[in-house]
N, C-alpha and C. Protein backbone atom coordinates (compact mmCIF):
# COMPACT_ATOMS: atom_id res chain seq x y z
N MET A 1 32.99 68.13 65.90
CA MET A 1 32.98 66.82 64.54
C MET A 1 33.33 67.64 63.28
N GLY A 2 34.22 67.40 62.67
CA GLY A 2 34.43 67.92 61.21
C GLY A 2 33.58 67.08 60.13
N PHE A 3 33.79 67.55 58.97
CA PHE A 3 33.65 66.55 57.79
C PHE A 3 34.70 66.86 56.93
N ASP A 4 34.70 65.80 56.16
CA ASP A 4 35.83 65.80 55.09
C ASP A 4 35.39 66.28 53.58
N THR A 5 35.45 67.42 53.45
CA THR A 5 34.49 68.01 52.32
C THR A 5 34.90 67.43 50.66
N THR A 6 36.11 66.93 50.93
CA THR A 6 36.72 66.61 49.56
C THR A 6 35.84 65.35 49.19
N ARG A 7 35.14 64.90 50.12
CA ARG A 7 33.70 63.79 49.73
C ARG A 7 32.70 64.29 48.63
N PHE A 8 32.90 65.68 48.71
CA PHE A 8 31.98 66.31 47.55
C PHE A 8 32.69 66.65 46.36
N PRO A 9 32.03 66.93 45.19
CA PRO A 9 32.64 67.22 44.03
C PRO A 9 33.18 68.63 44.05
N PHE A 10 34.49 68.62 43.37
CA PHE A 10 35.10 69.78 43.13
C PHE A 10 34.08 71.13 42.52
N LEU A 11 33.97 72.24 42.92
CA LEU A 11 33.35 73.12 42.48
C LEU A 11 34.05 74.08 41.45
N ASN A 12 34.03 74.10 40.14
CA ASN A 12 35.08 74.73 39.32
C ASN A 12 34.38 76.03 38.97
N PHE A 13 35.41 76.99 39.76
CA PHE A 13 34.87 78.46 39.32
C PHE A 13 35.53 79.02 38.30
N ARG A 14 36.48 78.15 37.55
CA ARG A 14 37.12 78.97 36.45
C ARG A 14 36.32 78.41 34.92
N ASP A 15 35.64 77.57 35.20
CA ASP A 15 34.53 77.13 33.98
C ASP A 15 33.00 78.02 34.37
N GLU A 16 32.53 78.87 33.90
CA GLU A 16 31.53 79.66 34.07
C GLU A 16 30.45 78.77 34.13
N ALA A 17 30.14 77.63 32.75
CA ALA A 17 28.99 77.44 32.53
C ALA A 17 29.21 76.09 33.56
N GLN A 18 30.15 75.06 33.65
CA GLN A 18 29.95 74.33 34.89
C GLN A 18 29.81 74.59 36.26
N PHE A 19 30.26 75.66 36.68
CA PHE A 19 30.00 76.76 37.66
C PHE A 19 28.43 76.81 38.15
N SER A 20 28.06 77.58 36.97
CA SER A 20 26.46 77.63 37.36
C SER A 20 25.74 76.27 37.19
N ARG A 21 26.02 75.34 36.28
CA ARG A 21 25.46 74.17 36.01
C ARG A 21 25.68 73.52 37.69
N GLN A 22 26.64 73.30 38.34
CA GLN A 22 26.86 72.43 39.56
C GLN A 22 25.87 73.65 40.52
N ILE A 23 25.84 74.58 40.71
CA ILE A 23 25.46 75.76 41.60
C ILE A 23 23.69 75.29 41.30
N GLY A 24 23.25 75.28 40.10
CA GLY A 24 22.08 75.12 39.84
C GLY A 24 21.47 73.55 40.36
N GLU A 25 22.31 72.76 39.96
CA GLU A 25 22.06 71.14 40.34
C GLU A 25 21.90 70.98 41.86
N ILE A 26 22.82 71.68 42.81
CA ILE A 26 22.63 71.75 44.31
C ILE A 26 21.24 72.08 44.76
N LYS A 27 20.76 73.47 44.30
CA LYS A 27 19.67 74.25 44.59
C LYS A 27 18.67 73.66 44.07
N ASN A 28 18.52 72.91 42.77
CA ASN A 28 17.24 71.93 42.60
C ASN A 28 17.13 70.85 43.52
N PHE A 29 18.23 70.10 43.68
CA PHE A 29 18.53 68.85 44.80
C PHE A 29 17.58 69.24 46.03
N PHE A 30 17.91 70.53 46.68
CA PHE A 30 17.30 70.87 47.78
C PHE A 30 16.04 71.22 47.76
N LYS A 31 15.50 72.03 46.67
CA LYS A 31 14.02 72.46 46.20
C LYS A 31 13.26 71.27 46.20
N LYS A 32 13.75 70.12 45.15
CA LYS A 32 12.81 69.01 45.08
C LYS A 32 13.01 67.99 46.27
N ASN A 33 13.78 68.07 47.11
CA ASN A 33 13.84 67.25 47.92
C ASN A 33 13.76 67.57 49.65
N ALA A 34 13.16 68.63 49.70
CA ALA A 34 13.21 69.64 51.04
C ALA A 34 12.75 68.80 51.87
N HIS A 35 11.75 68.07 51.81
CA HIS A 35 11.00 67.01 52.76
C HIS A 35 12.01 66.04 53.52
N LEU A 36 13.25 65.97 52.78
CA LEU A 36 14.15 64.75 53.50
C LEU A 36 15.07 65.66 54.30
N PHE A 37 15.17 66.85 54.11
CA PHE A 37 15.98 67.67 54.99
C PHE A 37 15.78 68.29 56.17
N PRO A 38 14.78 68.26 57.00
CA PRO A 38 14.30 68.98 58.10
C PRO A 38 15.33 69.16 59.31
N GLU A 39 16.18 68.22 59.28
CA GLU A 39 17.57 68.11 60.08
C GLU A 39 18.71 68.90 60.00
N VAL A 40 18.67 68.76 58.43
CA VAL A 40 19.83 69.65 57.66
C VAL A 40 19.58 71.37 57.81
N PHE A 41 18.13 71.58 57.90
CA PHE A 41 17.73 72.82 57.84
C PHE A 41 17.90 73.40 59.21
N THR A 42 17.63 72.56 60.37
CA THR A 42 17.69 72.72 61.75
C THR A 42 19.29 73.06 62.20
N HIS A 43 20.17 72.17 61.58
CA HIS A 43 21.50 72.44 61.62
C HIS A 43 21.93 73.52 61.14
N GLY A 44 21.34 73.99 60.18
CA GLY A 44 21.73 75.18 59.14
C GLY A 44 21.34 76.60 60.23
N HIS A 45 20.20 76.48 60.60
CA HIS A 45 19.79 77.30 61.67
C HIS A 45 20.69 77.51 62.83
N GLY A 46 21.32 76.61 63.32
CA GLY A 46 22.15 76.60 64.62
C GLY A 46 23.63 77.07 63.97
N LEU A 47 23.89 76.62 62.81
CA LEU A 47 25.27 77.35 62.15
C LEU A 47 25.11 78.69 61.85
N LYS A 48 24.00 79.20 61.57
CA LYS A 48 24.13 80.47 61.15
C LYS A 48 24.02 81.62 62.48
N GLU A 49 23.25 80.80 63.71
CA GLU A 49 23.48 81.67 64.89
C GLU A 49 24.63 81.56 65.30
N THR A 50 25.36 80.72 65.05
CA THR A 50 26.93 80.52 65.80
C THR A 50 27.78 81.78 64.92
N PHE A 51 27.49 81.87 63.61
CA PHE A 51 27.99 82.75 62.50
C PHE A 51 27.81 84.21 62.97
N LEU A 52 26.47 84.54 63.61
CA LEU A 52 26.04 85.58 64.32
C LEU A 52 26.66 85.92 65.66
N GLU A 53 27.19 84.89 66.39
CA GLU A 53 27.53 85.34 67.73
C GLU A 53 29.26 85.54 67.42
N LEU A 54 29.75 84.98 66.54
CA LEU A 54 30.85 84.96 66.57
C LEU A 54 31.45 86.40 65.58
N ASP A 55 30.55 86.83 65.04
CA ASP A 55 30.80 87.85 64.11
C ASP A 55 31.22 89.14 64.65
N PRO A 56 30.53 89.57 65.93
CA PRO A 56 31.18 90.93 65.97
C PRO A 56 32.81 90.81 67.12
N LEU A 57 32.83 89.47 67.18
CA LEU A 57 34.37 89.16 68.03
C LEU A 57 35.27 89.24 66.88
N ILE A 58 35.05 88.52 65.71
CA ILE A 58 35.96 88.55 64.40
C ILE A 58 36.19 90.01 63.97
N ASP A 59 35.25 90.49 64.11
CA ASP A 59 35.07 91.90 63.35
C ASP A 59 35.88 92.76 64.37
N GLU A 60 35.82 92.82 65.72
CA GLU A 60 36.98 93.70 66.61
C GLU A 60 38.32 93.27 66.34
N LEU A 61 38.56 91.86 66.08
CA LEU A 61 39.82 91.31 65.80
C LEU A 61 40.52 92.06 64.37
N THR A 62 39.56 91.74 63.69
CA THR A 62 40.00 92.36 62.23
C THR A 62 40.30 94.13 62.15
N ALA A 63 39.31 94.81 62.74
CA ALA A 63 39.26 95.95 62.98
C ALA A 63 40.69 96.54 63.45
N ASN A 64 41.28 95.55 64.46
CA ASN A 64 42.68 95.91 65.32
C ASN A 64 43.89 95.81 64.49
N VAL A 65 43.62 94.59 63.29
CA VAL A 65 44.68 94.20 62.73
C VAL A 65 44.75 94.80 60.95
N CYS A 66 43.57 94.25 60.36
CA CYS A 66 43.64 94.37 59.20
C CYS A 66 43.89 95.84 58.41
N PRO A 67 43.59 97.05 58.99
CA PRO A 67 43.80 98.37 58.44
C PRO A 67 45.49 98.19 58.37
N TYR A 68 46.15 97.74 59.13
CA TYR A 68 47.84 97.87 59.20
C TYR A 68 48.51 97.11 58.78
N CYS A 69 47.81 96.09 57.76
CA CYS A 69 48.41 94.90 57.33
C CYS A 69 49.05 95.34 55.88
N GLY A 70 50.21 94.83 55.49
CA GLY A 70 50.77 95.18 54.05
C GLY A 70 50.29 94.06 53.32
N ASN A 71 49.84 92.97 53.60
CA ASN A 71 49.82 92.03 52.79
C ASN A 71 48.30 91.44 52.83
N VAL A 72 47.41 91.88 52.13
CA VAL A 72 45.93 91.59 52.30
C VAL A 72 45.75 90.07 51.92
N CYS A 73 44.99 89.33 52.86
CA CYS A 73 45.09 87.95 52.67
C CYS A 73 43.59 87.48 51.80
N CYS A 74 42.64 88.49 51.92
CA CYS A 74 41.62 88.29 51.01
C CYS A 74 41.58 88.53 49.42
N ALA A 75 41.65 87.50 48.84
CA ALA A 75 42.07 87.29 47.64
C ALA A 75 40.80 86.70 46.85
N ASN A 76 40.46 86.94 45.50
CA ASN A 76 39.46 86.36 44.81
C ASN A 76 39.51 85.00 45.07
N ARG A 77 40.58 84.13 44.61
CA ARG A 77 40.67 82.63 44.61
C ARG A 77 40.17 81.92 45.85
N HIS A 78 40.16 82.78 46.99
CA HIS A 78 39.96 82.54 48.57
C HIS A 78 38.22 82.83 48.61
N GLY A 79 37.65 84.06 47.83
CA GLY A 79 36.26 84.33 47.87
C GLY A 79 35.22 83.26 47.05
N PHE A 80 35.88 82.42 46.28
CA PHE A 80 35.02 81.55 45.79
C PHE A 80 34.47 80.59 46.30
N PRO A 81 32.97 79.81 46.32
CA PRO A 81 32.84 78.96 47.60
C PRO A 81 33.24 77.71 47.01
N GLU A 82 33.18 76.82 48.06
CA GLU A 82 33.43 75.31 47.72
C GLU A 82 32.02 74.68 47.44
N TYR A 83 31.90 73.46 47.07
CA TYR A 83 30.64 72.57 47.23
C TYR A 83 30.26 72.83 48.43
N ALA A 84 30.70 72.65 49.25
CA ALA A 84 30.15 72.36 50.85
C ALA A 84 29.62 73.85 51.46
N ASP A 85 30.28 74.76 50.78
CA ASP A 85 29.84 76.03 51.11
C ASP A 85 28.54 76.38 50.46
N VAL A 86 27.97 75.71 49.34
CA VAL A 86 26.96 75.92 49.06
C VAL A 86 25.96 75.48 49.53
N ILE A 87 26.00 74.05 49.92
CA ILE A 87 25.34 73.37 50.72
C ILE A 87 25.05 73.84 52.00
N THR A 88 25.98 74.30 52.71
CA THR A 88 25.65 75.27 54.10
C THR A 88 24.85 76.46 53.82
N MET A 89 24.97 77.41 52.72
CA MET A 89 24.42 78.41 52.26
C MET A 89 22.98 78.28 52.30
N ILE A 90 22.81 77.28 51.42
CA ILE A 90 21.35 76.77 51.26
C ILE A 90 20.60 76.37 52.36
N ALA A 91 21.29 75.48 53.37
CA ALA A 91 20.63 74.86 54.60
C ALA A 91 20.61 76.41 55.52
N MET A 92 21.17 77.13 55.41
CA MET A 92 20.77 78.14 56.51
C MET A 92 19.64 79.17 56.00
N GLY A 93 19.24 78.75 54.74
CA GLY A 93 18.37 79.62 54.02
C GLY A 93 18.95 81.00 53.23
N GLU A 94 19.82 80.98 53.25
CA GLU A 94 20.79 82.02 52.42
C GLU A 94 20.58 81.75 50.97
N GLU A 95 20.64 83.20 49.98
CA GLU A 95 21.09 83.12 48.56
C GLU A 95 22.61 83.14 48.36
N LEU A 96 23.11 82.78 47.39
CA LEU A 96 24.60 82.74 46.97
C LEU A 96 24.96 84.21 46.63
N PRO A 97 25.87 84.47 46.87
CA PRO A 97 26.05 86.03 46.39
C PRO A 97 26.47 85.90 44.91
N SER A 98 26.55 86.78 44.07
CA SER A 98 26.88 86.58 42.56
C SER A 98 28.13 86.94 42.50
N TYR A 99 28.75 86.07 41.74
CA TYR A 99 30.00 85.95 41.74
C TYR A 99 30.80 86.50 40.09
N ASP A 100 31.68 87.08 40.12
CA ASP A 100 32.23 87.49 38.76
C ASP A 100 33.32 86.81 38.37
N LEU A 101 33.00 85.67 37.76
CA LEU A 101 33.97 84.51 37.77
C LEU A 101 35.10 85.08 36.60
N HIS A 102 35.12 86.15 36.20
CA HIS A 102 36.10 86.70 35.19
C HIS A 102 37.12 87.55 35.85
N VAL A 103 37.20 87.93 37.15
CA VAL A 103 38.19 88.57 38.09
C VAL A 103 39.54 87.76 38.02
N ASP A 104 40.70 88.29 38.16
CA ASP A 104 42.01 87.81 38.34
C ASP A 104 41.79 87.25 39.86
N GLU A 105 41.86 85.99 40.05
CA GLU A 105 42.10 85.43 41.07
C GLU A 105 43.12 85.44 42.05
N ARG A 106 44.24 86.09 41.75
CA ARG A 106 45.39 86.82 42.81
C ARG A 106 44.85 88.22 43.09
N ALA A 107 44.16 88.74 42.45
CA ALA A 107 43.67 90.39 43.01
C ALA A 107 42.80 90.22 44.28
N ILE A 108 42.87 91.22 44.93
CA ILE A 108 42.12 91.47 45.92
C ILE A 108 40.71 91.12 45.91
N CYS A 109 39.94 90.61 46.70
CA CYS A 109 38.50 89.89 46.58
C CYS A 109 37.57 90.91 46.11
N GLN A 110 36.99 90.30 45.21
CA GLN A 110 35.77 91.48 44.64
C GLN A 110 34.63 92.05 45.75
N PHE A 111 34.66 91.29 47.04
CA PHE A 111 33.44 91.37 48.09
C PHE A 111 34.46 92.05 49.04
N LEU A 112 35.73 92.52 48.84
CA LEU A 112 36.33 93.33 49.73
C LEU A 112 36.40 95.04 49.60
N ALA A 113 35.65 95.61 50.55
CA ALA A 113 35.61 97.03 50.19
C ALA A 113 36.32 97.88 51.48
N GLN A 114 36.56 99.26 51.39
CA GLN A 114 37.15 99.99 52.28
C GLN A 114 37.01 99.43 53.99
N ASN A 115 35.78 99.15 54.41
CA ASN A 115 35.52 98.72 55.47
C ASN A 115 35.51 97.14 55.93
N GLY A 116 35.91 96.57 54.91
CA GLY A 116 36.00 95.23 55.31
C GLY A 116 34.81 94.30 54.24
N CYS A 117 34.79 93.19 54.24
CA CYS A 117 33.82 92.33 53.25
C CYS A 117 32.20 93.10 53.67
N VAL A 118 31.70 92.82 52.41
CA VAL A 118 30.25 93.36 52.10
C VAL A 118 29.66 92.14 52.19
N LEU A 119 29.90 91.00 52.28
CA LEU A 119 29.08 90.14 52.43
C LEU A 119 28.87 89.84 54.18
N PRO A 120 27.90 89.43 54.62
CA PRO A 120 27.79 89.05 55.80
C PRO A 120 28.54 87.48 55.92
N ARG A 121 29.04 87.41 57.19
CA ARG A 121 30.34 86.38 57.55
C ARG A 121 29.62 84.85 56.87
N TYR A 122 28.15 84.72 57.09
CA TYR A 122 27.44 83.48 56.87
C TYR A 122 27.30 83.16 55.78
N ARG A 123 27.45 84.35 54.61
CA ARG A 123 27.28 84.11 53.02
C ARG A 123 28.78 83.96 52.44
N ARG A 124 29.90 83.98 53.35
CA ARG A 124 31.14 84.01 52.62
C ARG A 124 31.63 82.47 52.95
N PRO A 125 32.39 81.99 51.88
CA PRO A 125 33.25 80.80 52.07
C PRO A 125 33.71 80.36 53.45
N TYR A 126 33.80 79.16 53.60
CA TYR A 126 33.85 78.97 55.30
C TYR A 126 35.66 79.50 55.50
N ARG A 127 36.36 79.25 54.33
CA ARG A 127 37.62 79.70 54.57
C ARG A 127 38.03 81.22 54.96
N CYS A 128 36.78 81.85 54.57
CA CYS A 128 37.09 83.32 55.21
C CYS A 128 36.60 83.55 56.60
N THR A 129 36.38 82.55 57.27
CA THR A 129 35.88 82.65 58.79
C THR A 129 36.89 81.80 59.52
N TRP A 130 37.51 80.49 58.91
CA TRP A 130 38.32 80.14 59.95
C TRP A 130 39.87 80.17 59.61
N TYR A 131 40.29 81.05 58.68
CA TYR A 131 41.67 81.34 58.33
C TYR A 131 42.20 82.53 59.08
N PHE A 132 42.95 82.37 59.80
CA PHE A 132 43.57 83.76 60.58
C PHE A 132 45.34 83.79 60.64
N CYS A 133 45.67 84.71 60.08
CA CYS A 133 46.53 85.03 59.97
C CYS A 133 47.59 85.48 61.10
N ASP A 134 49.06 84.96 60.95
CA ASP A 134 49.81 85.39 62.25
C ASP A 134 49.27 86.56 63.15
N PRO A 135 49.43 87.88 62.51
CA PRO A 135 49.02 88.97 63.10
C PRO A 135 47.67 88.71 64.17
N MET A 136 46.73 87.92 63.40
CA MET A 136 45.65 87.98 63.88
C MET A 136 45.48 87.18 65.08
N LEU A 137 46.08 86.00 64.80
CA LEU A 137 46.27 84.92 65.78
C LEU A 137 47.13 85.83 67.46
N LEU A 138 48.04 86.64 67.05
CA LEU A 138 49.00 87.10 67.96
C LEU A 138 47.78 87.94 68.79
N GLU A 139 47.20 88.55 68.11
CA GLU A 139 46.05 89.77 68.81
C GLU A 139 44.79 88.95 69.51
N VAL A 140 44.82 87.78 69.25
CA VAL A 140 43.76 86.68 69.89
C VAL A 140 44.78 86.41 71.56
N ASP A 141 45.95 85.98 71.17
CA ASP A 141 47.01 85.26 72.20
C ASP A 141 47.13 86.42 73.39
N THR A 142 47.42 87.94 72.40
CA THR A 142 47.50 88.92 73.44
C THR A 142 46.65 89.64 74.17
N GLY A 143 45.40 89.60 73.74
CA GLY A 143 44.44 89.86 74.18
C GLY A 143 43.59 89.46 75.50
N PRO A 144 42.64 90.04 75.89
CA PRO A 144 41.91 89.76 77.24
C PRO A 144 41.86 88.33 77.26
N ILE A 145 41.91 87.68 78.28
CA ILE A 145 41.69 86.01 78.32
C ILE A 145 40.21 85.72 78.06
N ARG A 146 39.55 86.49 78.42
CA ARG A 146 38.01 85.92 78.41
C ARG A 146 37.62 86.22 76.81
N ARG A 147 38.19 87.26 76.12
CA ARG A 147 38.12 86.76 74.82
C ARG A 147 38.55 85.77 74.06
N TYR A 148 39.80 85.49 74.39
CA TYR A 148 40.42 84.37 73.95
C TYR A 148 39.76 83.24 74.04
N ARG A 149 39.18 82.98 75.16
CA ARG A 149 38.07 81.59 75.41
C ARG A 149 36.78 81.63 74.56
N GLU A 150 36.49 82.95 74.31
CA GLU A 150 35.18 83.13 73.72
C GLU A 150 35.03 82.82 72.27
N PHE A 151 36.53 83.31 71.97
CA PHE A 151 37.07 83.34 70.32
C PHE A 151 36.88 81.57 70.07
N LEU A 152 37.80 80.81 71.19
CA LEU A 152 37.68 79.62 70.71
C LEU A 152 36.61 78.60 71.04
N ARG A 153 35.71 78.95 71.85
CA ARG A 153 34.32 78.23 72.10
C ARG A 153 33.69 78.29 70.70
N LEU A 154 33.83 79.80 70.24
CA LEU A 154 32.87 80.03 69.29
C LEU A 154 33.34 79.19 67.55
N VAL A 155 34.67 79.27 67.54
CA VAL A 155 35.38 78.83 66.50
C VAL A 155 35.06 77.29 66.44
N THR A 156 35.02 76.50 67.76
CA THR A 156 35.14 75.25 67.78
C THR A 156 33.66 74.96 67.36
N GLN A 157 33.01 75.88 68.00
CA GLN A 157 31.13 75.28 67.74
C GLN A 157 30.62 75.34 66.24
N LEU A 158 31.62 76.85 65.64
CA LEU A 158 31.33 77.03 64.35
C LEU A 158 31.61 75.37 63.60
N GLY A 159 32.90 75.00 63.83
CA GLY A 159 33.26 73.84 62.85
C GLY A 159 32.64 72.68 63.26
N GLU A 160 32.02 72.22 64.67
CA GLU A 160 31.08 71.25 64.66
C GLU A 160 29.86 71.26 64.30
N ARG A 161 29.16 72.67 64.39
CA ARG A 161 27.70 72.63 63.51
C ARG A 161 28.01 72.63 62.16
N ARG A 162 28.93 73.00 61.47
CA ARG A 162 29.11 72.93 60.11
C ARG A 162 29.51 71.34 59.67
N GLY A 163 30.27 70.69 60.44
CA GLY A 163 30.79 69.08 60.36
C GLY A 163 29.41 68.47 60.32
N GLU A 164 28.49 68.77 61.45
CA GLU A 164 27.10 68.08 61.90
C GLU A 164 26.25 68.24 60.45
N LEU A 165 26.05 69.38 60.29
CA LEU A 165 25.09 69.73 58.93
C LEU A 165 25.59 69.05 57.86
N LEU A 166 27.05 69.07 57.55
CA LEU A 166 27.49 68.56 56.26
C LEU A 166 27.33 66.85 56.31
N HIS A 167 27.66 66.51 57.37
CA HIS A 167 27.53 64.79 57.79
C HIS A 167 26.11 64.45 57.26
N CYS A 168 25.14 65.20 58.18
CA CYS A 168 23.76 64.85 57.81
C CYS A 168 23.27 65.03 56.65
N PHE A 169 23.67 66.01 55.93
CA PHE A 169 23.32 66.24 54.30
C PHE A 169 23.94 64.94 53.58
N PHE A 170 24.88 64.36 54.10
CA PHE A 170 25.67 63.61 53.07
C PHE A 170 24.95 62.24 53.38
N GLU A 171 24.72 62.07 54.67
CA GLU A 171 24.36 60.70 54.97
C GLU A 171 22.86 60.49 54.32
N ILE A 172 22.40 61.44 54.13
CA ILE A 172 20.55 61.64 53.66
C ILE A 172 21.05 61.58 52.14
N TYR A 173 21.75 62.07 51.40
CA TYR A 173 21.85 62.15 50.19
C TYR A 173 22.30 60.80 49.61
N ARG A 174 23.59 60.16 50.52
CA ARG A 174 24.02 58.88 49.93
C ARG A 174 22.90 57.70 50.38
N GLU A 175 22.27 57.70 51.68
CA GLU A 175 21.02 56.58 51.53
C GLU A 175 20.06 56.81 50.39
N ASN A 176 19.92 58.06 49.96
CA ASN A 176 18.56 58.08 49.24
C ASN A 176 19.00 58.12 47.89
N PHE A 177 19.97 58.75 47.35
CA PHE A 177 20.16 58.77 45.87
C PHE A 177 21.60 58.06 45.64
N ARG A 178 21.78 56.99 46.16
CA ARG A 178 23.36 56.31 46.01
C ARG A 178 23.82 56.31 44.35
N GLU A 179 22.48 56.09 43.69
CA GLU A 179 22.96 55.74 42.09
C GLU A 179 23.29 56.99 41.55
N ASP A 180 22.64 57.97 41.91
CA ASP A 180 22.92 59.22 41.54
C ASP A 180 24.39 59.82 41.85
N ALA A 181 24.54 59.47 43.24
CA ALA A 181 26.14 59.71 43.59
C ALA A 181 27.03 59.13 42.75
N SER A 182 27.10 57.98 42.60
CA SER A 182 27.92 57.03 41.55
C SER A 182 28.17 57.59 40.37
N SER A 183 27.28 57.83 39.61
CA SER A 183 27.12 58.17 38.16
C SER A 183 27.31 59.62 37.93
N SER A 184 26.99 60.39 38.95
CA SER A 184 26.87 61.79 38.15
C SER A 184 27.90 62.69 38.95
N GLN A 185 28.08 62.58 40.47
CA GLN A 185 29.20 63.18 41.46
C GLN A 185 28.62 64.47 41.66
N SER A 186 27.45 64.64 41.13
CA SER A 186 26.64 65.94 42.11
C SER A 186 25.45 65.46 42.27
N PRO A 187 24.57 66.26 43.39
CA PRO A 187 23.44 66.04 43.68
C PRO A 187 22.15 66.41 42.85
N HIS A 188 21.59 65.72 42.11
CA HIS A 188 20.26 66.04 41.39
C HIS A 188 19.42 64.98 41.47
N THR A 189 18.40 65.41 41.06
CA THR A 189 17.09 64.19 40.81
C THR A 189 16.85 64.07 39.41
N SER A 190 16.29 63.01 39.12
CA SER A 190 15.70 62.85 37.55
C SER A 190 14.38 63.48 37.37
């Protein structure tokens, strides 16, 4: 089950004040209304488990492909979170990374080091997990069939669990804070 993340407001990383305010509003919304979200936190736990299960497989694939690539996919513009990423990180019980919003968005991602990303996979924007370049897909396709099946199973499960979490969050928010949703476009309480 997927979820249309365009139902959430745009998280504007180009405006530091707005970006910080929006993230603060999401954090406060969770903090003040945690009693409404036990199912969301349960989904968050399941999502994190899937990330942890998928991580070694993606690490193996990237180790076989990325060091030999002449075109680095990991750019700063892809390393900034979307609104839905902030929701899922909080639901998993994770702190958001500290983002340097003043970097060149076309440059190599601020979190990319010599041996790969310094952030655990579950603390990265979702696009960092589901985007696979052609050489990576070829590595999956030409590798062992068992790895191929496991890869498909886990990537599918990750998308389903994330979709369930976001759907659950959105339904609770919409049902309980409809007035806030229509007036402010961001989850916060008075």
